[in-house]
Amino acid sequence: MDLTSASLNDWLEHLLAIHPAEIDMGLGRVSQVASKLGIDKLPNSQVITVAGTNGKGTTCAMLESILRQAGKSVGVYSSPHINHFNERIRVNQQDVSDELIIEAFQAIEQARGDITITYFEFATLAGLYVFGKTQPNVVLLEVGLGGRLDATNLIDSDATIITAIDLDHQEYLGDTREDVGREKAGVMRANCLSIIGEPDLPESVMAVAKDIGSLVRRVGHDFSYQLNEVNPGETLPYDERRLNDGHSWRFSSASAEYHQLPVPSLPLPNAASALALISEFWPEITFEQITQGFAKATLSGRIEQVSEQPVILLDVAHNPHAARYLAAQLQRYQAQGMNIRAICGMLKDKDIASVLACFDGVISHWDMVSLDNPRGATANELTAALQSCDLKQQVSLNQFDSMELAWQSMVTSVSSSDSQANELIIVFGSFFTVAAFQACFQSMP
C-alpha cells in the first residue's frame, strides 16, 4: 500500500495487516520504537496511568474534567473507540485530527523498520507522539489490557490508579483474581502514589506494592466515601451504586475532606478514586473546580441516555463485574415501576452466560443480536447462553441477524405498548453493540 497520501482509514487497514496478532503481550518491541522516536518519556507532562478491569475510562473522564476546570491542559489516551479512531486520543477534551494522527503514524512507520507492532501498540505510540508534540500539563494513560505488559506501561508514570479487579481476558491475565491483580499492579512505580479503588483487594497487589516501594492509598483504609443521607436515619454505604438523582456524597482521607459533592453521572467508586488522587497530587485544586468537574464529566457508552420516552440507555458492559454494576443501576429504574427491555450483542470470547445471569429478575424481554464482527457471537449463541442460566424469572426473547432488525422490532413493540412512558431499553454487551446502535439511532428520521 502506498502510504504517502493515505487517508486515516487507509492507515488503519495497514495497521491491521502488518501484524498478524491482535494482542502480542510484551514491552520489548514497542519500547524500541518509542525510544527511536524519543517518546519513551514525556518530561514536560505529569503522567497518570489508570489500570483496572472496569472503570478506567470513566475514571480518566472525571480526572480530565476536574483538571480542565482547574485550568490544566490534559491529554487522554483511551481504548477502544466506539465510532472513530480519533476518540482514542484527546487533547483538552477534543479528539485529535486525522492529520495529526497520520503524522504520528508516518513517524512510527519510519522508526519501526523491521519491528512488527500490533494495532494497539501503533495506537499507543501515536498517542505518545501527539502528547510529546502538544506537551499537555497532564497525560492520562488508560491501560488496554492488564498493566504489566501493556504498551502504555512503557512510560514511567508519576502516579497510578487501579480501579476494579475481576476476571476478564483470562487467556492473557490468568484465571484467578490474584493473577489478574498481579498484572494490574505492574503499572505501579517505586516511591510513586498508587490509588487503589478495589475494595476486595487481592493480596498480590499489595505484595507487588511492598516489593517495589509504591505509596499506596486504598479505599476503605486510606480514603472513604459515602452518599449523604437521603431520608432521616437512612445512610447508604460508600459502595452503593446509583445514578445522579440530586443527592450528594462526601469524601474523606488523611489529606482532604469534602462534603456536599454532586453525584456524577459516572460510577461513584471511580469518582472517589479520582478524588483521592486529586486531593493528594494536586491539593491546590479548589472545591468549586472539583464539583464543576464532576458535574460536567460524561463518557459515551457508559450508562449514556439517548432518549427520554422511552428511556434508552447505552452501556458497553461486557464482563460480569460491569454487568453487576449495570444491573444495580437498572434496578433503580425497575423500583420506579419501569419495564426493562434489552438489546444485547456480545463477543464470543466473553463469559456470556455469567454476564446475562446478572440481569435475572431485572430484564423482562431480550432481543439478541448477531454482531457484524468476526469475534461476534450469534444471536443463537446468546440465546443458548441465556437459556443455560438458571433464571428465576421468565422472560420473552427474540433473535435478530442485525442491529437494524432488532431496533426496528423494538420500536414497533414499544410504540404499541400502552405504557410507553414506563418502558426502558438498555442496549449493551460490547463497544461494537453500542456503535451499531448509534448508527441505527442516528439514521432515524
Protein backbone atom coordinates (compact mmCIF):
# COMPACT_ATOMS: atom_id res chain seq x y z
CA MET A 1 0.00 0.00 0.00
CA ASP A 2 1.29 3.46 -0.95
CA LEU A 3 1.10 5.43 2.30
CA THR A 4 2.47 8.75 1.02
CA SER A 5 -1.01 10.19 0.56
CA ALA A 6 -3.01 7.64 2.57
CA SER A 7 -6.14 8.59 4.49
CA LEU A 8 -6.61 7.66 8.13
CA ASN A 9 -8.80 4.71 7.10
CA ASP A 10 -6.04 3.54 4.74
CA TRP A 11 -3.57 3.68 7.59
CA LEU A 12 -5.86 1.72 9.91
CA GLU A 13 -6.22 -1.03 7.29
CA HIS A 14 -2.43 -1.07 7.01
CA LEU A 15 -2.03 -1.47 10.78
CA LEU A 16 -4.36 -4.47 10.80
CA ALA A 17 -2.37 -6.09 8.00
CA ILE A 18 1.22 -5.69 9.22
CA HIS A 19 0.99 -7.70 12.47
CA PRO A 20 -0.99 -10.96 12.45
CA ALA A 21 -1.80 -11.00 16.18
CA GLU A 22 -4.38 -8.64 17.61
CA ILE A 23 -2.71 -8.94 21.02
CA ASP A 24 1.01 -9.60 21.47
CA MET A 25 1.92 -9.06 25.12
CA GLY A 26 5.33 -7.59 25.95
CA LEU A 27 7.08 -4.24 26.00
CA GLY A 28 10.25 -5.08 24.07
CA ARG A 29 9.17 -4.23 20.54
CA VAL A 30 7.05 -1.19 21.30
CA SER A 31 9.67 0.24 23.69
CA GLN A 32 12.31 0.02 20.96
CA VAL A 33 10.17 2.07 18.60
CA ALA A 34 9.26 4.58 21.31
CA SER A 35 12.94 5.06 22.11
CA LYS A 36 13.79 5.67 18.45
CA LEU A 37 11.07 8.33 18.33
CA GLY A 38 12.13 9.90 21.62
CA ILE A 39 8.69 9.40 23.15
CA ASP A 40 9.59 6.79 25.78
CA LYS A 41 9.49 9.68 28.25
CA LEU A 42 7.18 12.69 28.50
CA PRO A 43 9.31 15.04 30.62
CA ASN A 44 7.07 18.06 30.16
CA SER A 45 3.90 16.35 31.39
CA GLN A 46 2.76 14.72 34.59
CA VAL A 47 1.72 11.18 33.63
CA ILE A 48 -1.07 9.24 35.35
CA THR A 49 -1.61 5.60 34.39
CA VAL A 50 -5.05 4.08 35.07
CA ALA A 51 -5.46 0.29 35.16
CA GLY A 52 -8.35 -1.97 36.14
CA THR A 53 -10.85 -4.50 34.82
CA ASN A 54 -13.58 -1.85 34.54
CA GLY A 55 -13.85 1.82 35.30
CA LYS A 56 -10.68 3.04 33.62
CA GLY A 57 -12.39 5.21 31.03
CA THR A 58 -14.81 6.83 33.46
CA THR A 59 -12.02 7.50 35.96
CA CYS A 60 -9.99 9.20 33.23
CA ALA A 61 -13.04 11.20 32.12
CA MET A 62 -13.64 12.55 35.63
CA LEU A 63 -9.97 13.34 36.18
CA GLU A 64 -9.89 15.07 32.80
CA SER A 65 -12.97 17.15 33.59
CA ILE A 66 -11.70 18.29 37.01
CA LEU A 67 -8.21 19.09 35.72
CA ARG A 68 -9.66 21.15 32.87
CA GLN A 69 -11.80 23.07 35.37
CA ALA A 70 -8.57 23.77 37.22
CA GLY A 71 -7.09 25.30 34.09
CA LYS A 72 -4.67 22.49 33.24
CA SER A 73 -4.12 21.21 29.71
CA VAL A 74 -4.86 17.48 29.55
CA GLY A 75 -4.12 14.68 27.12
CA VAL A 76 -6.00 11.38 27.35
CA TYR A 77 -5.19 8.11 25.65
CA SER A 78 -8.00 5.53 25.88
CA SER A 79 -9.27 2.43 24.12
CA PRO A 80 -11.15 1.06 22.40
CA HIS A 81 -13.08 3.65 20.43
CA ILE A 82 -16.79 3.42 19.67
CA ASN A 83 -17.21 5.17 16.32
CA HIS A 84 -13.97 6.86 15.26
CA PHE A 85 -10.34 6.04 15.93
CA ASN A 86 -9.74 9.68 16.89
CA GLU A 87 -11.70 9.07 20.11
CA ARG A 88 -8.62 7.26 21.44
CA ILE A 89 -6.51 10.42 21.65
CA ARG A 90 -7.90 13.59 23.21
CA VAL A 91 -6.24 16.89 23.99
CA ASN A 92 -8.23 19.29 26.14
CA GLN A 93 -11.38 17.18 25.70
CA GLN A 94 -11.19 17.31 21.90
CA ASP A 95 -10.45 14.31 19.68
CA VAL A 96 -7.27 15.00 17.72
CA SER A 97 -7.44 15.48 13.95
CA ASP A 98 -6.89 12.89 11.23
CA GLU A 99 -3.90 14.94 10.07
CA LEU A 100 -2.10 14.75 13.42
CA ILE A 101 -2.75 11.01 13.75
CA ILE A 102 -1.47 10.41 10.21
CA GLU A 103 1.64 12.45 11.03
CA ALA A 104 2.19 10.23 14.06
CA PHE A 105 1.64 7.04 12.03
CA GLN A 106 4.13 8.18 9.39
CA ALA A 107 6.77 8.83 12.03
CA ILE A 108 6.13 5.47 13.72
CA GLU A 109 6.22 3.59 10.41
CA GLN A 110 9.59 5.13 9.56
CA ALA A 111 11.03 4.47 13.03
CA ARG A 112 9.90 0.86 13.37
CA GLY A 113 11.88 -0.50 10.41
CA ASP A 114 11.55 -4.29 10.55
CA ILE A 115 9.96 -4.29 14.02
CA THR A 116 6.38 -5.54 13.90
CA ILE A 117 3.92 -3.90 16.26
CA THR A 118 0.21 -4.50 16.81
CA TYR A 119 -2.69 -2.19 16.06
CA PHE A 120 -2.97 -1.29 19.75
CA GLU A 121 0.76 -0.66 20.05
CA PHE A 122 0.66 1.58 16.98
CA ALA A 123 -2.26 3.47 18.54
CA THR A 124 -0.44 3.84 21.86
CA LEU A 125 2.68 5.16 20.18
CA ALA A 126 0.51 7.61 18.21
CA GLY A 127 -0.93 8.89 21.47
CA LEU A 128 2.53 9.34 22.97
CA TYR A 129 3.71 11.09 19.78
CA VAL A 130 0.78 13.53 19.98
CA PHE A 131 1.39 14.22 23.67
CA GLY A 132 5.11 14.71 23.03
CA LYS A 133 4.23 17.29 20.42
CA THR A 134 1.40 19.09 22.25
CA GLN A 135 3.01 18.81 25.74
CA PRO A 136 -0.13 18.98 27.92
CA ASN A 137 0.34 19.63 31.64
CA VAL A 138 -1.12 16.20 32.44
CA VAL A 139 -1.32 12.98 30.41
CA LEU A 140 -3.81 10.27 31.40
CA LEU A 141 -2.97 6.82 30.02
CA GLU A 142 -5.72 4.22 30.13
CA VAL A 143 -4.28 0.71 30.16
CA GLY A 144 -5.62 -1.50 27.38
CA LEU A 145 -5.09 -4.99 28.81
CA GLY A 146 -3.68 -5.95 32.18
CA GLY A 147 -0.94 -3.49 33.02
CA ARG A 148 2.50 -5.04 33.46
CA LEU A 149 2.95 -5.90 29.78
CA ASP A 150 0.57 -3.36 28.26
CA ALA A 151 2.07 -0.88 25.79
CA THR A 152 1.02 2.08 27.96
CA ASN A 153 3.36 0.76 30.68
CA LEU A 154 6.46 1.68 28.69
CA ILE A 155 6.09 5.14 30.24
CA ASP A 156 7.14 5.61 33.86
CA SER A 157 4.13 7.40 35.35
CA ASP A 158 4.13 9.89 38.21
CA ALA A 159 1.10 8.27 39.83
CA THR A 160 -1.28 5.39 39.16
CA ILE A 161 -4.86 4.39 39.80
CA ILE A 162 -6.10 0.80 39.89
CA THR A 163 -9.91 0.66 39.71
CA ALA A 164 -11.74 -2.69 39.81
CA ILE A 165 -10.08 -6.10 39.72
CA ASP A 166 -12.05 -9.04 38.36
CA LEU A 167 -11.79 -11.84 35.82
CA ASP A 168 -11.57 -10.88 32.15
CA HIS A 169 -9.12 -11.79 29.37
CA GLN A 170 -8.16 -14.89 31.37
CA GLU A 171 -6.14 -16.26 28.45
CA TYR A 172 -3.68 -13.38 28.97
CA LEU A 173 -4.08 -12.36 32.61
CA GLY A 174 -4.74 -15.63 34.44
CA ASP A 175 -7.70 -17.50 35.89
CA THR A 176 -7.73 -16.02 39.40
CA ARG A 177 -8.15 -12.54 40.84
CA GLU A 178 -4.72 -12.93 42.40
CA ASP A 179 -3.22 -13.44 38.93
CA VAL A 180 -5.17 -10.51 37.49
CA GLY A 181 -4.23 -8.29 40.41
CA ARG A 182 -0.54 -9.05 39.92
CA GLU A 183 -0.77 -7.98 36.27
CA LYS A 184 -2.66 -4.77 37.14
CA ALA A 185 -0.13 -3.95 39.88
CA GLY A 186 2.60 -3.93 37.23
CA VAL A 187 1.79 -0.27 36.49
CA MET A 188 2.86 0.88 39.96
CA ARG A 189 6.23 2.59 40.40
CA ALA A 190 8.64 2.90 43.31
CA ASN A 191 8.05 5.94 45.55
CA CYS A 192 5.04 6.99 43.44
CA LEU A 193 1.46 7.40 44.58
CA SER A 194 -0.85 4.47 43.77
CA ILE A 195 -4.59 4.87 44.37
CA ILE A 196 -6.43 1.55 44.79
CA GLY A 197 -10.20 1.70 44.24
CA GLU A 198 -10.86 -2.04 44.52
CA PRO A 199 -12.35 -2.73 47.99
CA ASP A 200 -11.81 -6.52 47.84
CA LEU A 201 -8.13 -6.28 47.03
CA PRO A 202 -6.18 -9.41 46.02
CA GLU A 203 -3.11 -9.94 48.21
CA SER A 204 -0.94 -9.97 45.09
CA VAL A 205 -1.43 -6.23 44.58
CA MET A 206 -0.11 -5.29 47.99
CA ALA A 207 2.72 -7.80 47.61
CA VAL A 208 3.89 -6.03 44.44
CA ALA A 209 3.44 -2.61 46.07
CA LYS A 210 5.53 -3.64 49.07
CA ASP A 211 8.20 -5.22 46.89
CA ILE A 212 8.76 -2.09 44.79
CA GLY A 213 8.01 0.52 47.46
CA SER A 214 4.91 2.14 45.95
CA LEU A 215 2.99 4.68 48.06
CA VAL A 216 -0.40 3.00 48.25
CA ARG A 217 -3.71 4.65 49.21
CA ARG A 218 -6.52 2.08 49.50
CA VAL A 219 -10.25 2.62 49.53
CA GLY A 220 -11.69 1.67 52.91
CA HIS A 221 -8.27 2.07 54.51
CA ASP A 222 -6.74 5.40 53.47
CA PHE A 223 -9.79 7.06 51.95
CA SER A 224 -13.53 6.52 52.09
CA TYR A 225 -16.68 7.89 50.51
CA GLN A 226 -20.36 7.80 51.30
CA LEU A 227 -23.62 9.08 49.92
CA ASN A 228 -25.21 11.63 52.21
CA GLU A 229 -28.44 10.72 53.97
CA VAL A 230 -31.43 10.59 51.66
CA ASN A 231 -34.05 10.34 54.40
CA PRO A 232 -33.62 10.84 58.14
CA GLY A 233 -31.87 7.79 59.52
CA GLU A 234 -31.13 6.29 56.07
CA THR A 235 -27.40 6.16 55.38
CA LEU A 236 -26.15 4.42 52.28
CA PRO A 237 -22.71 2.73 52.32
CA TYR A 238 -19.83 4.00 50.24
CA ASP A 239 -20.06 1.13 47.77
CA GLU A 240 -23.72 1.75 46.94
CA ARG A 241 -24.05 2.37 43.20
CA ARG A 242 -26.53 4.93 41.98
CA LEU A 243 -27.06 7.42 39.20
CA ASN A 244 -27.17 11.19 39.61
CA ASP A 245 -30.51 11.83 41.32
CA GLY A 246 -29.85 15.13 43.04
CA HIS A 247 -28.25 13.64 46.14
CA SER A 248 -24.75 14.44 47.30
CA TRP A 249 -21.80 12.49 48.63
CA ARG A 250 -18.82 13.05 50.86
CA PHE A 251 -15.19 12.03 50.74
CA SER A 252 -12.60 11.68 53.47
CA SER A 253 -8.87 10.95 53.51
CA ALA A 254 -5.83 11.96 55.51
CA SER A 255 -5.20 14.84 53.10
CA ALA A 256 -8.72 16.17 52.49
CA GLU A 257 -12.37 16.06 53.42
CA TYR A 258 -15.22 17.15 51.16
CA HIS A 259 -18.96 17.34 51.82
CA GLN A 260 -21.92 18.01 49.52
CA LEU A 261 -20.21 16.79 46.36
CA PRO A 262 -22.54 16.38 43.37
CA VAL A 263 -23.20 12.75 42.49
CA PRO A 264 -21.72 12.31 38.99
CA SER A 265 -23.44 10.55 36.12
CA LEU A 266 -20.45 8.19 36.09
CA PRO A 267 -19.76 5.49 38.71
CA LEU A 268 -19.24 6.82 42.22
CA PRO A 269 -16.46 4.35 43.17
CA ASN A 270 -14.39 5.68 40.28
CA ALA A 271 -15.19 9.26 41.26
CA ALA A 272 -13.79 8.54 44.71
CA SER A 273 -10.58 7.11 43.25
CA ALA A 274 -10.19 10.17 41.04
CA LEU A 275 -10.73 12.46 44.02
CA ALA A 276 -8.26 10.50 46.15
CA LEU A 277 -5.61 11.28 43.54
CA ILE A 278 -6.68 14.89 43.03
CA SER A 279 -6.71 15.70 46.75
CA GLU A 280 -3.18 14.41 47.34
CA PHE A 281 -1.47 15.03 44.00
CA TRP A 282 -2.98 18.45 43.23
CA PRO A 283 -4.07 19.88 46.61
CA GLU A 284 -4.32 23.35 45.09
CA ILE A 285 -7.42 22.37 43.10
CA THR A 286 -10.43 24.01 44.72
CA PHE A 287 -13.71 22.51 45.91
CA GLU A 288 -15.57 24.52 43.27
CA GLN A 289 -13.33 23.19 40.48
CA ILE A 290 -13.88 19.65 41.77
CA THR A 291 -17.67 19.99 41.94
CA GLN A 292 -17.84 21.56 38.48
CA GLY A 293 -15.62 18.81 37.10
CA PHE A 294 -17.79 16.04 38.49
CA ALA A 295 -20.99 17.74 37.33
CA LYS A 296 -19.74 18.06 33.74
CA ALA A 297 -17.99 14.68 33.35
CA THR A 298 -19.52 12.32 30.78
CA LEU A 299 -18.35 9.42 28.65
CA SER A 300 -20.08 7.90 25.65
CA GLY A 301 -21.44 4.40 26.14
CA ARG A 302 -21.35 4.44 29.95
CA ILE A 303 -24.96 4.40 31.10
CA GLU A 304 -25.49 7.03 28.41
CA GLN A 305 -29.10 8.17 27.99
CA VAL A 306 -30.05 8.98 24.40
CA SER A 307 -33.85 9.14 24.70
CA GLU A 308 -36.38 10.12 27.35
CA GLN A 309 -39.55 8.40 26.10
CA PRO A 310 -38.94 5.60 26.04
CA VAL A 311 -35.81 5.83 28.15
CA ILE A 312 -32.91 4.39 26.13
CA LEU A 313 -29.59 3.73 27.82
CA LEU A 314 -26.35 2.60 26.20
CA ASP A 315 -23.61 0.75 28.05
CA VAL A 316 -20.51 -1.12 26.90
CA ALA A 317 -20.65 -3.61 29.82
CA HIS A 318 -19.16 -6.89 28.59
CA ASN A 319 -17.91 -8.79 31.63
CA PRO A 320 -19.56 -9.97 34.88
CA HIS A 321 -18.16 -7.13 37.02
CA ALA A 322 -19.52 -4.47 34.66
CA ALA A 323 -22.80 -6.38 34.28
CA ARG A 324 -23.37 -6.47 38.03
CA TYR A 325 -22.86 -2.72 38.20
CA LEU A 326 -25.24 -2.11 35.27
CA ALA A 327 -27.88 -4.42 36.77
CA ALA A 328 -27.76 -2.43 40.01
CA GLN A 329 -28.45 0.77 38.09
CA LEU A 330 -31.33 -0.79 36.20
CA GLN A 331 -32.89 -2.00 39.44
CA ARG A 332 -33.35 1.62 40.47
CA TYR A 333 -35.46 2.22 37.37
CA GLN A 334 -37.28 -1.03 37.99
CA ALA A 335 -38.14 0.13 41.52
CA GLN A 336 -39.84 3.14 39.90
CA GLY A 337 -42.17 0.81 38.02
CA MET A 338 -40.33 0.72 34.71
CA ASN A 339 -40.34 -2.36 32.46
CA ILE A 340 -36.83 -3.08 31.23
CA ARG A 341 -36.09 -4.49 27.79
CA ALA A 342 -32.66 -5.26 26.39
CA ILE A 343 -30.93 -5.28 23.03
CA CYS A 344 -27.82 -7.36 23.60
CA GLY A 345 -24.86 -8.21 21.38
CA MET A 346 -21.60 -9.68 22.66
CA LEU A 347 -18.25 -11.04 21.53
CA LYS A 348 -17.99 -14.81 21.65
CA ASP A 349 -14.76 -14.80 23.67
CA LYS A 350 -16.54 -13.22 26.66
CA ASP A 351 -18.13 -15.03 29.61
CA ILE A 352 -21.57 -14.60 28.07
CA ALA A 353 -23.62 -16.77 30.44
CA SER A 354 -22.19 -15.10 33.55
CA VAL A 355 -22.91 -11.66 32.12
CA LEU A 356 -26.50 -12.46 31.18
CA ALA A 357 -27.20 -14.15 34.52
CA CYS A 358 -26.54 -10.83 36.28
CA PHE A 359 -29.83 -9.48 34.87
CA ASP A 360 -32.09 -12.24 36.18
CA GLY A 361 -35.19 -10.55 37.59
CA VAL A 362 -34.25 -7.22 36.01
CA ILE A 363 -34.72 -7.60 32.24
CA SER A 364 -38.12 -8.91 31.13
CA HIS A 365 -37.54 -9.04 27.37
CA TRP A 366 -34.37 -9.79 25.40
CA ASP A 367 -33.57 -9.02 21.78
CA MET A 368 -30.39 -10.93 20.99
CA VAL A 369 -28.35 -9.54 18.09
CA SER A 370 -25.63 -11.09 15.97
CA LEU A 371 -22.70 -8.66 15.73
CA ASP A 372 -21.20 -7.94 12.32
CA ASN A 373 -17.69 -8.77 13.54
CA PRO A 374 -15.50 -11.89 13.21
CA ARG A 375 -15.37 -12.13 17.02
CA GLY A 376 -19.10 -11.55 17.42
CA ALA A 377 -21.38 -14.15 18.98
CA THR A 378 -24.51 -15.03 17.03
CA ALA A 379 -27.97 -14.28 18.37
CA ASN A 380 -28.48 -18.03 18.60
CA GLU A 381 -25.34 -18.41 20.75
CA LEU A 382 -26.51 -15.60 23.04
CA THR A 383 -29.92 -17.26 23.35
CA ALA A 384 -28.34 -20.61 24.22
CA ALA A 385 -26.21 -18.91 26.88
CA LEU A 386 -29.24 -17.24 28.44
CA GLN A 387 -31.17 -20.49 28.41
CA SER A 388 -28.28 -22.22 30.18
CA CYS A 389 -28.69 -19.84 33.12
CA ASP A 390 -30.90 -20.94 35.99
CA LEU A 391 -33.22 -17.94 35.68
CA LYS A 392 -35.73 -17.31 38.42
CA GLN A 393 -37.87 -15.02 36.25
CA GLN A 394 -39.50 -15.99 32.98
CA VAL A 395 -38.52 -13.77 30.04
CA SER A 396 -39.55 -13.27 26.43
CA LEU A 397 -36.89 -13.41 23.77
CA ASN A 398 -36.26 -12.65 20.09
CA GLN A 399 -33.25 -13.21 17.84
CA PHE A 400 -32.01 -10.90 15.07
CA ASP A 401 -29.26 -11.09 12.48
CA SER A 402 -28.54 -7.37 12.66
CA MET A 403 -28.91 -4.35 14.91
CA GLU A 404 -31.15 -2.69 12.31
CA LEU A 405 -33.69 -5.51 12.51
CA ALA A 406 -33.57 -5.60 16.30
CA TRP A 407 -34.10 -1.86 16.58
CA GLN A 408 -36.99 -1.85 14.12
CA SER A 409 -38.68 -4.62 16.09
CA MET A 410 -38.08 -2.86 19.41
CA VAL A 411 -39.52 0.42 18.07
CA THR A 412 -42.65 -1.39 16.89
CA SER A 413 -43.04 -3.26 20.17
CA VAL A 414 -42.56 -0.25 22.41
CA SER A 415 -44.72 2.01 20.22
CA SER A 416 -47.63 -0.40 20.59
CA SER A 417 -47.21 -0.54 24.35
CA ASP A 418 -49.96 1.03 26.45
CA SER A 419 -47.37 2.41 28.86
CA GLN A 420 -44.55 3.68 26.68
CA ALA A 421 -43.55 6.17 29.37
CA ASN A 422 -42.76 3.24 31.64
CA GLU A 423 -40.52 1.42 29.16
CA LEU A 424 -36.73 1.39 29.40
CA ILE A 425 -34.47 -0.06 26.71
CA ILE A 426 -30.90 -0.94 27.61
CA VAL A 427 -28.50 -1.55 24.71
CA PHE A 428 -25.36 -3.28 25.93
CA GLY A 429 -22.78 -6.03 25.64
CA SER A 430 -19.86 -4.58 23.70
CA PHE A 431 -18.36 -1.42 22.25
CA PHE A 432 -19.41 -2.88 18.87
CA THR A 433 -23.02 -3.18 20.09
CA VAL A 434 -23.18 0.45 21.18
CA ALA A 435 -21.57 1.61 17.93
CA ALA A 436 -24.03 -0.39 15.81
CA PHE A 437 -26.97 1.00 17.75
CA GLN A 438 -25.74 4.58 17.48
CA ALA A 439 -25.52 4.19 13.70
CA CYS A 440 -29.16 2.98 13.56
CA PHE A 441 -30.44 5.56 16.01
CA GLN A 442 -28.73 8.50 14.33
CA SER A 443 -30.04 7.50 10.89
CA MET A 444 -33.67 7.56 12.01
CA PRO A 445 -35.75 10.40 10.57
